[in-house]
Protein backbone atom coordinates (compact mmCIF):
# COMPACT_ATOMS: atom_id res chain seq x y z
CA UNK A 1 -2.35 38.79 -39.14
CA UNK A 2 0.07 35.91 -39.61
CA UNK A 3 -1.24 34.15 -36.60
CA UNK A 4 -4.77 34.18 -37.86
CA UNK A 5 -3.60 32.77 -41.18
CA UNK A 6 -1.68 29.99 -39.40
CA UNK A 7 -4.73 29.02 -37.26
CA UNK A 8 -6.91 29.08 -40.35
CA UNK A 9 -4.47 26.86 -42.24
CA UNK A 10 -4.40 24.33 -39.28
CA UNK A 11 -8.18 24.27 -39.17
CA UNK A 12 -8.42 23.66 -42.94
CA UNK A 13 -5.84 20.79 -42.77
CA UNK A 14 -7.60 19.18 -39.80
CA UNK A 15 -10.96 19.47 -41.66
CA UNK A 16 -9.45 17.95 -44.78
CA UNK A 17 -7.95 15.04 -42.77
CA UNK A 18 -11.29 14.41 -40.86
CA UNK A 19 -13.24 14.47 -44.15
CA UNK A 20 -10.84 11.98 -45.72
CA UNK A 21 -11.11 9.75 -42.66
CA UNK A 22 -14.87 9.88 -42.87
CA UNK A 23 -14.86 8.99 -46.52
CA UNK A 24 -12.32 6.17 -46.02
CA UNK A 25 -14.20 4.62 -43.17
CA UNK A 26 -17.43 4.87 -45.10
CA UNK A 27 -15.85 3.09 -48.09
CA UNK A 28 -14.60 0.38 -45.72
CA UNK A 29 -18.03 -0.07 -44.19
CA UNK A 30 -16.87 1.09 -40.75
CA UNK A 31 -19.35 3.20 -38.77
CA UNK A 32 -18.40 5.92 -36.35
CA UNK A 33 -21.91 6.12 -34.80
CA UNK A 34 -22.31 5.79 -31.02
CA UNK A 35 -25.80 4.34 -31.23
CA UNK A 36 -24.51 1.09 -29.83
CA UNK A 37 -24.05 2.59 -26.36
CA UNK A 38 -27.68 1.90 -25.48
CA UNK A 39 -27.47 -1.74 -26.55
CA UNK A 40 -26.87 -4.62 -24.15
CA UNK A 41 -23.15 -5.40 -23.95
CA UNK A 42 -23.34 -9.18 -23.69
CA UNK A 43 -20.29 -9.46 -21.42
CA UNK A 44 -19.70 -9.22 -17.65
CA UNK A 45 -17.22 -7.22 -15.59
CA UNK A 46 -16.43 -8.69 -12.20
CA UNK A 47 -13.81 -6.15 -11.20
CA UNK A 48 -16.08 -3.18 -10.69
CA UNK A 49 -15.65 -3.36 -6.94
CA UNK A 50 -19.10 -2.15 -5.79
CA UNK A 51 -20.36 -1.54 -9.30
CA UNK A 52 -20.69 -4.83 -11.18
CA UNK A 53 -21.51 -4.89 -14.90
CA UNK A 54 -23.75 -7.77 -16.04
CA UNK A 55 -24.45 -9.03 -19.55
CA UNK A 56 -27.72 -7.20 -19.80
CA UNK A 57 -26.23 -3.79 -18.97
CA UNK A 58 -25.52 -1.34 -21.70
CA UNK A 59 -22.23 -0.45 -23.36
CA UNK A 60 -22.56 2.97 -21.77
CA UNK A 61 -22.56 1.34 -18.37
CA UNK A 62 -19.51 -0.65 -19.31
CA UNK A 63 -17.72 2.59 -20.21
CA UNK A 64 -18.77 4.03 -16.90
CA UNK A 65 -17.41 1.08 -14.89
CA UNK A 66 -14.14 1.32 -16.78
CA UNK A 67 -13.88 4.97 -16.17
CA UNK A 68 -14.53 4.59 -12.38
CA UNK A 69 -11.91 1.89 -12.20
CA UNK A 70 -9.44 4.06 -14.13
CA UNK A 71 -10.05 7.02 -11.72
CA UNK A 72 -9.52 4.70 -8.74
CA UNK A 73 -6.11 3.76 -10.05
CA UNK A 74 -5.11 7.32 -10.95
CA UNK A 75 -6.24 8.89 -7.57
CA UNK A 76 -4.73 6.14 -5.44
CA UNK A 77 -1.56 6.17 -7.59
CA UNK A 78 -1.16 9.90 -7.39
CA UNK A 79 -1.42 9.97 -3.63
CA UNK A 80 0.78 6.93 -2.88
CA UNK A 81 3.46 7.77 -5.46
CA UNK A 82 3.70 11.32 -4.17
CA UNK A 83 4.22 10.09 -0.62
CA UNK A 84 6.72 7.48 -1.68
CA UNK A 85 8.59 9.90 -3.88
CA UNK A 86 8.79 12.47 -1.08
CA UNK A 87 10.15 9.96 1.37
CA UNK A 88 12.66 8.43 -1.05
CA UNK A 89 13.72 11.88 -2.33
CA UNK A 90 14.49 13.08 1.18
CA UNK A 91 16.25 9.77 1.97
CA UNK A 92 18.36 10.27 -1.17
CA UNK A 93 19.91 13.36 0.52
CA UNK A 94 20.21 11.75 3.94
CA UNK A 95 23.60 11.90 5.74
CA UNK A 96 23.05 8.26 6.63
CA UNK A 97 25.20 6.20 4.18
CA UNK A 98 22.98 3.08 4.21
CA UNK A 99 19.69 5.00 3.86
CA UNK A 100 21.09 7.23 1.04
CA UNK A 101 22.39 4.28 -0.91
CA UNK A 102 19.24 2.17 -0.44
CA UNK A 103 17.24 5.05 -1.92
CA UNK A 104 19.69 5.26 -4.81
CA UNK A 105 19.52 1.51 -5.59
CA UNK A 106 15.67 1.67 -5.56
CA UNK A 107 15.61 4.59 -8.01
CA UNK A 108 18.12 3.02 -10.35
CA UNK A 109 16.36 -0.32 -10.47
CA UNK A 110 12.85 1.03 -10.93
CA UNK A 111 13.76 3.77 -13.41
CA UNK A 112 15.83 1.48 -15.66
CA UNK A 113 13.30 -1.34 -16.05
CA UNK A 114 10.09 -1.07 -18.14
CA UNK A 115 6.83 -0.47 -16.28
CA UNK A 116 5.10 -3.29 -18.15
CA UNK A 117 7.76 -5.78 -16.99
CA UNK A 118 7.36 -4.57 -13.41
CA UNK A 119 3.57 -4.91 -13.54
CA UNK A 120 3.87 -8.50 -14.95
CA UNK A 121 6.42 -9.37 -12.26
CA UNK A 122 4.19 -8.07 -9.46
CA UNK A 123 1.02 -9.66 -10.85
CA UNK A 124 2.45 -13.02 -11.98
CA UNK A 125 5.45 -13.32 -9.69
CA UNK A 126 4.65 -11.84 -6.29
CA UNK A 127 0.85 -11.94 -5.82
CA UNK A 128 0.49 -15.70 -6.60
CA UNK A 129 2.85 -16.46 -3.76
CA UNK A 130 0.28 -15.06 -1.25
CA UNK A 131 -1.57 -17.70 0.84
CA UNK A 132 -4.77 -19.33 -0.45
CA UNK A 133 -8.19 -18.16 0.75
CA UNK A 134 -8.43 -20.97 3.34
CA UNK A 135 -5.05 -19.85 4.84
CA UNK A 136 -5.51 -16.09 4.30
CA UNK A 137 -3.31 -13.87 6.48
CA UNK A 138 -5.44 -12.13 9.04
CA UNK A 139 -4.51 -8.50 9.53
CA UNK A 140 -5.74 -5.85 12.01
CA UNK A 141 -9.16 -4.57 11.20
CA UNK A 142 -9.94 -7.43 10.80
CA UNK A 143 -8.65 -7.69 7.26
CA UNK A 144 -7.61 -10.65 5.16
CA UNK A 145 -4.86 -10.95 2.52
CA UNK A 146 -4.82 -13.86 0.07
CA UNK A 147 -4.57 -14.69 -3.64
CA UNK A 148 -8.17 -13.53 -3.86
CA UNK A 149 -7.13 -9.97 -2.88
CA UNK A 150 -7.29 -7.79 0.18
CA UNK A 151 -10.54 -7.70 2.14
CA UNK A 152 -10.93 -4.78 4.46
CA UNK A 153 -13.80 -3.36 6.60
CA UNK A 154 -16.22 -1.15 4.68
CA UNK A 155 -18.28 1.81 5.82
CA UNK A 156 -21.85 1.75 4.53
CA UNK A 157 -23.71 5.05 4.72
CA UNK A 158 -26.98 5.21 6.68
CA UNK A 159 -29.95 7.70 6.52
CA UNK A 160 -28.05 10.14 8.82
CA UNK A 161 -24.82 10.15 6.73
CA UNK A 162 -25.92 13.35 4.88
CA UNK A 163 -25.99 15.28 8.15
CA UNK A 164 -22.58 14.01 9.05
CA UNK A 165 -21.24 15.01 5.57
CA UNK A 166 -22.45 18.58 6.07
CA UNK A 167 -21.03 18.79 9.59
CA UNK A 168 -17.66 17.38 8.49
CA UNK A 169 -17.55 19.83 5.56
CA UNK A 170 -18.23 22.66 7.96
CA UNK A 171 -15.27 21.39 10.06
CA UNK A 172 -13.02 21.37 7.05
CA UNK A 173 -13.99 24.87 5.95
CA UNK A 174 -13.67 26.18 9.52
CA UNK A 175 -10.21 24.50 10.00
CA UNK A 176 -9.02 26.02 6.70
CA UNK A 177 -10.16 29.48 7.68
CA UNK A 178 -8.48 29.22 11.08
CA UNK A 179 -5.33 27.91 9.41
CA UNK A 180 -5.27 30.93 7.10
CA UNK A 181 -5.84 33.39 9.90
CA UNK A 182 -3.13 31.92 12.19
CA UNK A 183 -0.73 31.64 9.26
CA UNK A 184 -1.28 35.31 8.57
CA UNK A 185 -0.70 36.06 12.21
CA UNK A 186 2.58 34.15 12.20
CA UNK A 187 3.75 36.02 9.01
CA UNK A 188 2.82 39.43 10.46
CA UNK A 189 4.13 38.92 14.03
CA UNK A 190 6.74 36.14 13.67
CA UNK A 191 5.18 34.30 16.63
CA UNK A 192 4.69 30.56 16.56
CA UNK A 193 0.93 29.99 16.01
CA UNK A 194 0.83 26.24 15.19
CA UNK A 195 -1.41 27.10 12.24
CA UNK A 196 -1.12 23.79 10.49
CA UNK A 197 -1.54 21.65 13.60
CA UNK A 198 -4.59 23.53 14.83
CA UNK A 199 -6.18 23.73 11.37
CA UNK A 200 -5.74 19.97 10.74
CA UNK A 201 -6.94 19.16 14.30
CA UNK A 202 -10.21 21.08 13.60
CA UNK A 203 -10.67 19.59 10.10
CA UNK A 204 -10.39 16.04 11.38
CA UNK A 205 -11.61 16.60 14.90
CA UNK A 206 -15.07 17.96 13.94
CA UNK A 207 -15.78 14.87 11.80
CA UNK A 208 -14.56 12.41 14.42
CA UNK A 209 -16.46 14.23 17.26
CA UNK A 210 -19.71 14.41 15.41
CA UNK A 211 -19.40 10.77 14.38
CA UNK A 212 -18.92 9.81 17.99
CA UNK A 213 -21.85 11.89 19.22
CA UNK A 214 -24.19 10.60 16.53
CA UNK A 215 -23.14 7.03 17.35
CA UNK A 216 -23.89 7.57 21.05
CA UNK A 217 -27.39 8.84 20.35
CA UNK A 218 -28.15 5.88 18.13
CA UNK A 219 -27.94 7.48 14.62
CA UNK A 220 -24.41 6.55 13.46
CA UNK A 221 -23.69 7.99 9.97
CA UNK A 222 -22.05 4.69 8.87
CA UNK A 223 -22.44 1.00 9.53
CA UNK A 224 -19.20 -0.99 9.59
CA UNK A 225 -19.31 -4.08 7.44
CA UNK A 226 -16.57 -6.59 8.31
CA UNK A 227 -15.20 -8.98 5.70
CA UNK A 228 -15.64 -12.69 6.12
CA UNK A 229 -14.34 -15.77 4.47
CA UNK A 230 -17.03 -18.04 3.02
CA UNK A 231 -16.01 -21.26 1.28
CA UNK A 232 -13.40 -20.63 -1.35
CA UNK A 233 -13.91 -16.85 -1.55
CA UNK A 234 -14.82 -13.77 0.49
CA UNK A 235 -18.42 -13.43 1.48
CA UNK A 236 -20.39 -11.31 -1.00
CA UNK A 237 -21.53 -7.94 0.16
CA UNK A 238 -19.48 -8.00 3.35
CA UNK A 239 -16.54 -5.64 3.68
CA UNK A 240 -14.65 -4.11 0.76
CA UNK A 241 -12.66 -6.40 -1.51
CA UNK A 242 -9.63 -5.04 -3.32
CA UNK A 243 -8.95 -7.47 -6.16
CA UNK A 244 -5.40 -8.66 -6.86
CA UNK A 245 -5.54 -6.97 -10.26
CA UNK A 246 -6.02 -3.62 -8.62
CA UNK A 247 -3.33 -4.26 -6.05
CA UNK A 248 -0.87 -5.15 -8.87
CA UNK A 249 -1.50 -2.00 -10.92
CA UNK A 250 -1.38 0.24 -7.82
CA UNK A 251 1.89 -1.28 -6.58
CA UNK A 252 3.45 -1.04 -10.09
CA UNK A 253 2.40 2.53 -10.78
CA UNK A 254 3.29 3.68 -7.23
CA UNK A 255 6.83 2.23 -7.41
CA UNK A 256 7.53 3.38 -10.96
CA UNK A 257 6.19 6.93 -10.64
CA UNK A 258 7.50 7.26 -7.07
CA UNK A 259 11.07 6.64 -8.30
CA UNK A 260 10.82 9.50 -10.76
CA UNK A 261 9.11 11.78 -8.23
CA UNK A 262 11.93 11.06 -5.83
CA UNK A 263 14.44 12.53 -8.31
CA UNK A 264 12.16 15.57 -8.74
CA UNK A 265 12.06 16.04 -4.97
CA UNK A 266 15.88 15.60 -4.65
CA UNK A 267 16.57 18.20 -7.36
CA UNK A 268 13.94 20.60 -5.94
CA UNK A 269 15.56 20.48 -2.43
CA UNK A 270 19.01 20.88 -3.84
CA UNK A 271 17.84 23.98 -5.75
CA UNK A 272 17.29 25.84 -2.43
CA UNK A 273 20.47 27.69 -1.45
CA UNK A 274 22.48 25.95 1.29
CA UNK A 275 22.41 29.26 3.26
CA UNK A 276 18.71 28.63 3.97
CA UNK A 277 19.65 25.48 5.90
CA UNK A 278 22.40 27.31 7.79
CA UNK A 279 20.10 30.24 8.66
CA UNK A 280 17.39 27.80 9.86
CA UNK A 281 19.94 25.91 11.96
CA UNK A 282 21.11 29.16 13.50
CA UNK A 283 17.52 29.99 14.46
CA UNK A 284 17.14 26.65 16.25
CA UNK A 285 14.96 24.83 13.70
CA UNK A 286 15.14 21.05 13.65
CA UNK A 287 15.83 19.21 10.42
CA UNK A 288 12.18 18.38 9.74
CA UNK A 289 11.04 21.86 10.69
CA UNK A 290 13.54 23.27 8.24
CA UNK A 291 12.24 20.97 5.49
CA UNK A 292 8.55 21.63 6.19
CA UNK A 293 8.65 25.39 6.82
CA UNK A 294 11.59 26.68 4.80
CA UNK A 295 12.99 24.32 2.19
CA UNK A 296 10.06 22.46 0.70
CA UNK A 297 7.86 25.56 0.20
CA UNK A 298 10.70 27.09 -1.84
CA UNK A 299 11.49 23.81 -3.64
CA UNK A 300 7.85 23.47 -4.78
CA UNK A 301 8.47 26.37 -7.23
CA UNK A 302 10.98 24.12 -8.97
CA UNK A 303 9.21 20.78 -8.39
CA UNK A 304 5.63 21.45 -9.62
CA UNK A 305 6.36 21.63 -13.40
CA UNK A 306 8.24 18.24 -13.53
CA UNK A 307 5.64 16.80 -11.07
CA UNK A 308 2.96 17.67 -13.55
CA UNK A 309 4.68 15.57 -16.19
CA UNK A 310 4.98 12.62 -13.83
CA UNK A 311 1.30 12.83 -12.85
CA UNK A 312 0.30 12.96 -16.51
CA UNK A 313 2.50 9.89 -17.16
CA UNK A 314 0.79 8.03 -14.31
CA UNK A 315 -2.67 8.81 -15.69
CA UNK A 316 -1.71 7.53 -19.15
CA UNK A 317 0.17 4.54 -17.73
CA UNK A 318 -2.93 3.41 -15.94
CA UNK A 319 -4.05 1.95 -19.26
CA UNK A 320 -1.41 -0.80 -18.68
CA UNK A 321 -3.81 -2.24 -16.16
CA UNK A 322 -5.13 -4.28 -19.06
CA UNK A 323 -1.90 -6.35 -18.79
CA UNK A 324 -2.98 -7.42 -15.26
CA UNK A 325 -6.56 -8.11 -16.29
CA UNK A 326 -7.79 -5.06 -14.47
CA UNK A 327 -11.07 -3.71 -15.89
CA UNK A 328 -9.95 -0.17 -16.46
CA UNK A 329 -11.13 1.93 -19.49
CA UNK A 330 -8.81 0.50 -22.07
CA UNK A 331 -9.53 -3.07 -20.99
CA UNK A 332 -13.24 -2.43 -21.35
CA UNK A 333 -12.66 -0.85 -24.73
CA UNK A 334 -10.69 -3.91 -25.95
CA UNK A 335 -13.48 -6.17 -24.83
CA UNK A 336 -16.13 -4.01 -26.52
CA UNK A 337 -14.18 -3.81 -29.78
CA UNK A 338 -14.82 -7.52 -30.35
CA UNK A 339 -18.55 -6.86 -30.92
CA UNK A 340 -18.82 -3.15 -31.98
CA UNK A 341 -16.87 -0.92 -34.39
CA UNK A 342 -13.41 -0.29 -33.02
CA UNK A 343 -12.96 3.27 -34.31
CA UNK A 344 -15.59 5.01 -32.17
CA UNK A 345 -14.55 3.00 -29.11
CA UNK A 346 -10.90 4.06 -29.41
CA UNK A 347 -11.87 7.65 -30.14
CA UNK A 348 -13.99 7.66 -26.98
CA UNK A 349 -11.05 6.32 -24.94
CA UNK A 350 -8.68 8.83 -26.46
CA UNK A 351 -10.97 11.75 -25.64
CA UNK A 352 -11.51 10.47 -22.05
CA UNK A 353 -7.78 10.25 -21.39
CA UNK A 354 -7.34 13.68 -22.96
CA UNK A 355 -9.89 15.14 -20.61
CA UNK A 356 -8.31 13.47 -17.59
CA UNK A 357 -4.90 14.78 -18.59
CA UNK A 358 -6.21 18.31 -19.15
CA UNK A 359 -7.91 18.25 -15.72
CA UNK A 360 -4.63 17.14 -14.03
CA UNK A 361 -2.66 19.76 -15.98
CA UNK A 362 -5.13 22.47 -15.09
CA UNK A 363 -5.05 21.71 -11.34
CA UNK A 364 -1.24 21.63 -11.41
CA UNK A 365 -0.98 24.88 -13.30
CA UNK A 366 -3.22 26.52 -10.69
CA UNK A 367 -0.87 25.23 -7.94
CA UNK A 368 2.13 26.38 -9.94
CA UNK A 369 0.75 29.93 -10.25
CA UNK A 370 0.12 30.01 -6.46
CA UNK A 371 3.68 29.01 -5.52
CA UNK A 372 5.59 31.16 -8.02
CA UNK A 373 7.16 34.44 -6.87
CA UNK A 374 5.05 37.44 -7.75
CA UNK A 375 7.04 40.29 -9.22
CA UNK A 376 5.98 43.73 -10.44
């Protein structure tokens, strides 16, 4: 009964606050209507990668471009920071003195300097030192690196790409099922079944093989578009251009979040009893086999909850891309607030980040429940 009364009191207080806010905004002449979303924005966004926003496009389209750019940063940052954190965290426990202390110095420097300062340093200190467009560094691919950003080959889908997507999806599902079956066989019999190796080979092999076959019969699922330098910029519509603003925010978020993830990995590995290492060594397992098959699966039970916090921090810190001039959601909202009421714009941004955070937390909670020990 007390819980229902508490919930009711919270609802009443929130209703009272919202009503006061509505009255106060009305007295100040501030509208919270979203009717402006269908109006022409009057500004242009040139950092939408493949999706450009022109002056005649609507405010809703500007929000969409900002959301896509934010999700690009979050997804790329999550993957890269996890890989970096795993490598640095393992290096932190290495028996090699130099490697162990290099990892320690990296963690201490990154963790004890503000993220915003790091972003400004990368964007205004490191990236401007890259060569000009006329002297762009040519990388394998071919790719080009200059102050205008990184230009890499792009894959443009063709009419037969849908068929390839279906076949590749079938390979992924088949590889996953075979991995599950062989993993169960290994757990039941104790035999080495190479479940992960065979499963991954099928997942990637089916896609690569079908791509090769379709290309040989003249119906390639993708056409490769190579970047090219034209005048004082990269040629429009050729290759994929990763702007320096995106490079700066990705590098900053990856280094910053990766340093914290490294400590999560280190503490997770150290939580596994040392006897597990000794038992694995007695069974003839190598160092990396012990990590992959024995230590890390147990360490994940400890690592996932703090990893969730770091992933949520990365998603929210992506809003600092506005300091680099990257057109993410908050940057677009700031630009819009110059011509439309600021309150509905900020509310929209807050709700969007809330939904992104809830989605990340939900996925990590599912993973956490899968890795926890099941007891009766």
